[in-house]
């Protein structure tokens, strides 16, 4: 499975400490395992990693990471 990151997702990860980066990337690489739910009212899914949320969509064999942010900000 190929994973593609948006510019926003790369920027968010680059600003985090190395332990948090590793935690988020490991959770993304472990998809479809983890706390995943389909988004209501829009396309895509969300992955919960503690206080962080990853919004992603799947197109065949490509996983596109659209947004990574804190839980209160990611849905805005």
N, C-alpha and C. Protein backbone atom coordinates (compact mmCIF):
# COMPACT_ATOMS: atom_id res chain seq x y z
N UNK A 1 0.84 -1.18 0.00
CA UNK A 1 0.00 0.00 0.00
C UNK A 1 0.89 1.25 0.00
N UNK A 2 0.59 2.17 -0.89
CA UNK A 2 1.35 3.42 -1.00
C UNK A 2 0.67 4.49 -0.15
N UNK A 3 1.46 5.25 0.60
CA UNK A 3 0.93 6.31 1.44
C UNK A 3 1.44 7.64 0.93
N UNK A 4 0.51 8.56 0.65
CA UNK A 4 0.87 9.90 0.18
C UNK A 4 0.40 10.92 1.22
N UNK A 5 1.26 11.87 1.53
CA UNK A 5 0.96 12.90 2.53
C UNK A 5 0.71 14.23 1.84
N UNK A 6 -0.27 14.98 2.35
CA UNK A 6 -0.51 16.34 1.84
C UNK A 6 0.57 17.27 2.40
N UNK A 7 0.66 18.45 1.83
CA UNK A 7 1.63 19.44 2.30
C UNK A 7 1.35 19.82 3.76
N UNK A 8 0.07 19.94 4.12
CA UNK A 8 -0.30 20.29 5.49
C UNK A 8 0.13 19.20 6.46
N UNK A 9 -0.03 17.94 6.08
CA UNK A 9 0.32 16.83 6.96
C UNK A 9 1.83 16.79 7.21
N UNK A 10 2.62 17.01 6.17
CA UNK A 10 4.08 17.02 6.32
C UNK A 10 4.51 18.17 7.21
N UNK A 11 3.90 19.34 7.03
CA UNK A 11 4.24 20.51 7.83
C UNK A 11 3.90 20.27 9.31
N UNK A 12 2.72 19.68 9.57
CA UNK A 12 2.31 19.41 10.95
C UNK A 12 3.29 18.44 11.61
N UNK A 13 3.66 17.37 10.91
CA UNK A 13 4.58 16.38 11.47
C UNK A 13 5.96 16.98 11.73
N UNK A 14 6.41 17.86 10.85
CA UNK A 14 7.75 18.43 11.01
C UNK A 14 7.86 19.32 12.25
N UNK A 15 6.74 19.83 12.73
CA UNK A 15 6.75 20.71 13.90
C UNK A 15 6.64 19.95 15.22
N UNK A 16 6.41 18.65 15.17
CA UNK A 16 6.27 17.84 16.39
C UNK A 16 7.61 17.28 16.83
N UNK A 17 7.69 16.88 18.10
CA UNK A 17 8.92 16.26 18.59
C UNK A 17 9.06 14.85 17.99
N UNK A 18 10.27 14.30 17.97
CA UNK A 18 10.51 13.01 17.31
C UNK A 18 9.64 11.86 17.83
N UNK A 19 9.37 11.82 19.13
CA UNK A 19 8.53 10.74 19.68
C UNK A 19 7.11 10.81 19.14
N UNK A 20 6.56 12.02 19.07
CA UNK A 20 5.20 12.20 18.55
C UNK A 20 5.16 11.87 17.06
N UNK A 21 6.17 12.30 16.32
CA UNK A 21 6.25 11.98 14.89
C UNK A 21 6.22 10.47 14.68
N UNK A 22 7.03 9.76 15.45
CA UNK A 22 7.13 8.32 15.31
C UNK A 22 5.80 7.65 15.66
N UNK A 23 5.13 8.14 16.71
CA UNK A 23 3.85 7.59 17.13
C UNK A 23 2.80 7.74 16.03
N UNK A 24 2.73 8.93 15.42
CA UNK A 24 1.75 9.19 14.38
C UNK A 24 2.05 8.37 13.12
N UNK A 25 3.31 8.36 12.69
CA UNK A 25 3.69 7.62 11.47
C UNK A 25 3.47 6.12 11.66
N UNK A 26 3.80 5.59 12.84
CA UNK A 26 3.56 4.17 13.10
C UNK A 26 2.08 3.82 13.04
N UNK A 27 1.23 4.71 13.58
CA UNK A 27 -0.21 4.48 13.55
C UNK A 27 -0.73 4.52 12.11
N UNK A 28 -0.21 5.45 11.30
CA UNK A 28 -0.62 5.54 9.90
C UNK A 28 -0.18 4.29 9.13
N UNK A 29 1.03 3.80 9.39
CA UNK A 29 1.53 2.61 8.71
C UNK A 29 0.76 1.35 9.12
N UNK A 30 0.12 1.38 10.31
CA UNK A 30 -0.62 0.22 10.80
C UNK A 30 -2.07 0.18 10.31
N UNK A 31 -2.49 1.20 9.55
CA UNK A 31 -3.86 1.19 9.01
C UNK A 31 -4.03 -0.09 8.21
N UNK A 32 -5.05 -0.86 8.36
CA UNK A 32 -6.39 -0.60 8.87
C UNK A 32 -6.59 -0.87 10.35
N UNK A 33 -5.54 -1.15 11.12
CA UNK A 33 -5.69 -1.30 12.56
C UNK A 33 -5.79 0.07 13.21
N UNK A 34 -6.37 0.13 14.38
CA UNK A 34 -6.48 1.40 15.10
C UNK A 34 -7.92 1.85 15.19
N UNK A 35 -8.10 3.02 15.81
CA UNK A 35 -9.43 3.59 16.03
C UNK A 35 -9.82 4.41 14.80
N UNK A 36 -10.48 3.76 13.84
CA UNK A 36 -10.84 4.40 12.57
C UNK A 36 -12.36 4.45 12.45
N UNK A 37 -12.86 5.61 12.03
CA UNK A 37 -14.29 5.77 11.78
C UNK A 37 -14.48 6.52 10.47
N UNK A 38 -15.58 6.23 9.80
CA UNK A 38 -15.94 6.94 8.57
C UNK A 38 -16.48 8.31 8.97
N UNK A 39 -16.08 9.34 8.24
CA UNK A 39 -16.56 10.70 8.53
C UNK A 39 -18.01 10.84 8.07
N UNK A 40 -18.79 11.57 8.84
CA UNK A 40 -20.18 11.82 8.47
C UNK A 40 -20.27 13.12 7.69
N UNK A 41 -21.02 13.12 6.61
CA UNK A 41 -21.25 14.33 5.84
C UNK A 41 -20.13 14.70 4.88
N UNK A 42 -19.08 13.91 4.85
CA UNK A 42 -17.99 14.16 3.90
C UNK A 42 -17.26 12.85 3.62
N UNK A 43 -16.46 12.87 2.59
CA UNK A 43 -15.71 11.66 2.22
C UNK A 43 -14.52 11.48 3.14
N UNK A 44 -14.12 10.24 3.33
CA UNK A 44 -12.90 9.97 4.07
C UNK A 44 -13.15 9.31 5.41
N UNK A 45 -12.04 9.13 6.12
CA UNK A 45 -12.04 8.46 7.42
C UNK A 45 -11.18 9.26 8.37
N UNK A 46 -11.33 8.97 9.66
CA UNK A 46 -10.46 9.60 10.64
C UNK A 46 -9.81 8.52 11.49
N UNK A 47 -8.55 8.75 11.82
CA UNK A 47 -7.78 7.86 12.68
C UNK A 47 -7.46 8.63 13.95
N UNK A 48 -7.78 8.05 15.09
CA UNK A 48 -7.52 8.72 16.38
C UNK A 48 -6.22 8.19 16.95
N UNK A 49 -5.32 9.14 17.30
CA UNK A 49 -4.05 8.81 17.94
C UNK A 49 -3.91 9.75 19.14
N UNK A 50 -4.44 9.35 20.27
CA UNK A 50 -4.40 10.22 21.46
C UNK A 50 -5.18 11.50 21.19
N UNK A 51 -4.51 12.65 21.33
CA UNK A 51 -5.16 13.94 21.10
C UNK A 51 -5.04 14.40 19.65
N UNK A 52 -4.48 13.56 18.80
CA UNK A 52 -4.31 13.91 17.39
C UNK A 52 -5.30 13.14 16.53
N UNK A 53 -5.68 13.76 15.40
CA UNK A 53 -6.56 13.11 14.44
C UNK A 53 -5.93 13.17 13.06
N UNK A 54 -6.06 12.07 12.33
CA UNK A 54 -5.56 12.00 10.96
C UNK A 54 -6.76 11.78 10.06
N UNK A 55 -6.99 12.69 9.12
CA UNK A 55 -8.06 12.56 8.14
C UNK A 55 -7.44 11.98 6.88
N UNK A 56 -7.98 10.86 6.42
CA UNK A 56 -7.41 10.21 5.24
C UNK A 56 -8.51 9.63 4.38
N UNK A 57 -8.14 9.32 3.14
CA UNK A 57 -9.05 8.68 2.20
C UNK A 57 -8.28 7.59 1.47
N UNK A 58 -9.00 6.63 0.98
CA UNK A 58 -8.37 5.49 0.33
C UNK A 58 -8.88 5.39 -1.11
N UNK A 59 -7.94 5.26 -2.03
CA UNK A 59 -8.30 5.11 -3.43
C UNK A 59 -7.55 3.90 -3.98
N UNK A 60 -8.21 2.76 -3.94
CA UNK A 60 -7.56 1.53 -4.38
C UNK A 60 -6.43 1.15 -3.46
N UNK A 61 -5.21 1.17 -3.98
CA UNK A 61 -4.04 0.80 -3.21
C UNK A 61 -3.28 2.01 -2.67
N UNK A 62 -3.86 3.21 -2.84
CA UNK A 62 -3.21 4.45 -2.40
C UNK A 62 -3.97 5.01 -1.20
N UNK A 63 -3.21 5.30 -0.14
CA UNK A 63 -3.77 5.92 1.06
C UNK A 63 -3.31 7.36 1.06
N UNK A 64 -4.25 8.31 0.99
CA UNK A 64 -3.91 9.73 0.93
C UNK A 64 -4.20 10.39 2.27
N UNK A 65 -3.15 10.84 2.96
CA UNK A 65 -3.29 11.52 4.24
C UNK A 65 -3.58 12.98 3.95
N UNK A 66 -4.82 13.40 4.20
CA UNK A 66 -5.25 14.75 3.84
C UNK A 66 -4.87 15.77 4.90
N UNK A 67 -5.05 15.41 6.19
CA UNK A 67 -4.85 16.39 7.25
C UNK A 67 -4.49 15.70 8.54
N UNK A 68 -3.56 16.28 9.29
CA UNK A 68 -3.22 15.84 10.64
C UNK A 68 -3.28 17.07 11.52
N UNK A 69 -3.97 16.97 12.66
CA UNK A 69 -4.08 18.13 13.55
C UNK A 69 -4.54 17.68 14.92
N UNK A 70 -4.61 18.63 15.84
CA UNK A 70 -5.15 18.35 17.17
C UNK A 70 -6.64 18.08 17.05
N UNK A 71 -7.19 17.37 18.01
CA UNK A 71 -8.56 16.88 17.87
C UNK A 71 -9.60 17.99 17.72
N UNK A 72 -9.40 19.14 18.32
CA UNK A 72 -10.38 20.21 18.23
C UNK A 72 -10.30 21.00 16.94
N UNK A 73 -9.18 20.95 16.27
CA UNK A 73 -8.94 21.79 15.09
C UNK A 73 -9.12 21.06 13.76
N UNK A 74 -9.03 19.77 13.76
CA UNK A 74 -8.93 19.02 12.50
C UNK A 74 -10.21 19.07 11.67
N UNK A 75 -11.36 19.23 12.29
CA UNK A 75 -12.62 19.18 11.55
C UNK A 75 -13.07 20.53 11.02
N UNK A 76 -12.34 21.60 11.34
CA UNK A 76 -12.73 22.95 10.91
C UNK A 76 -12.34 23.21 9.48
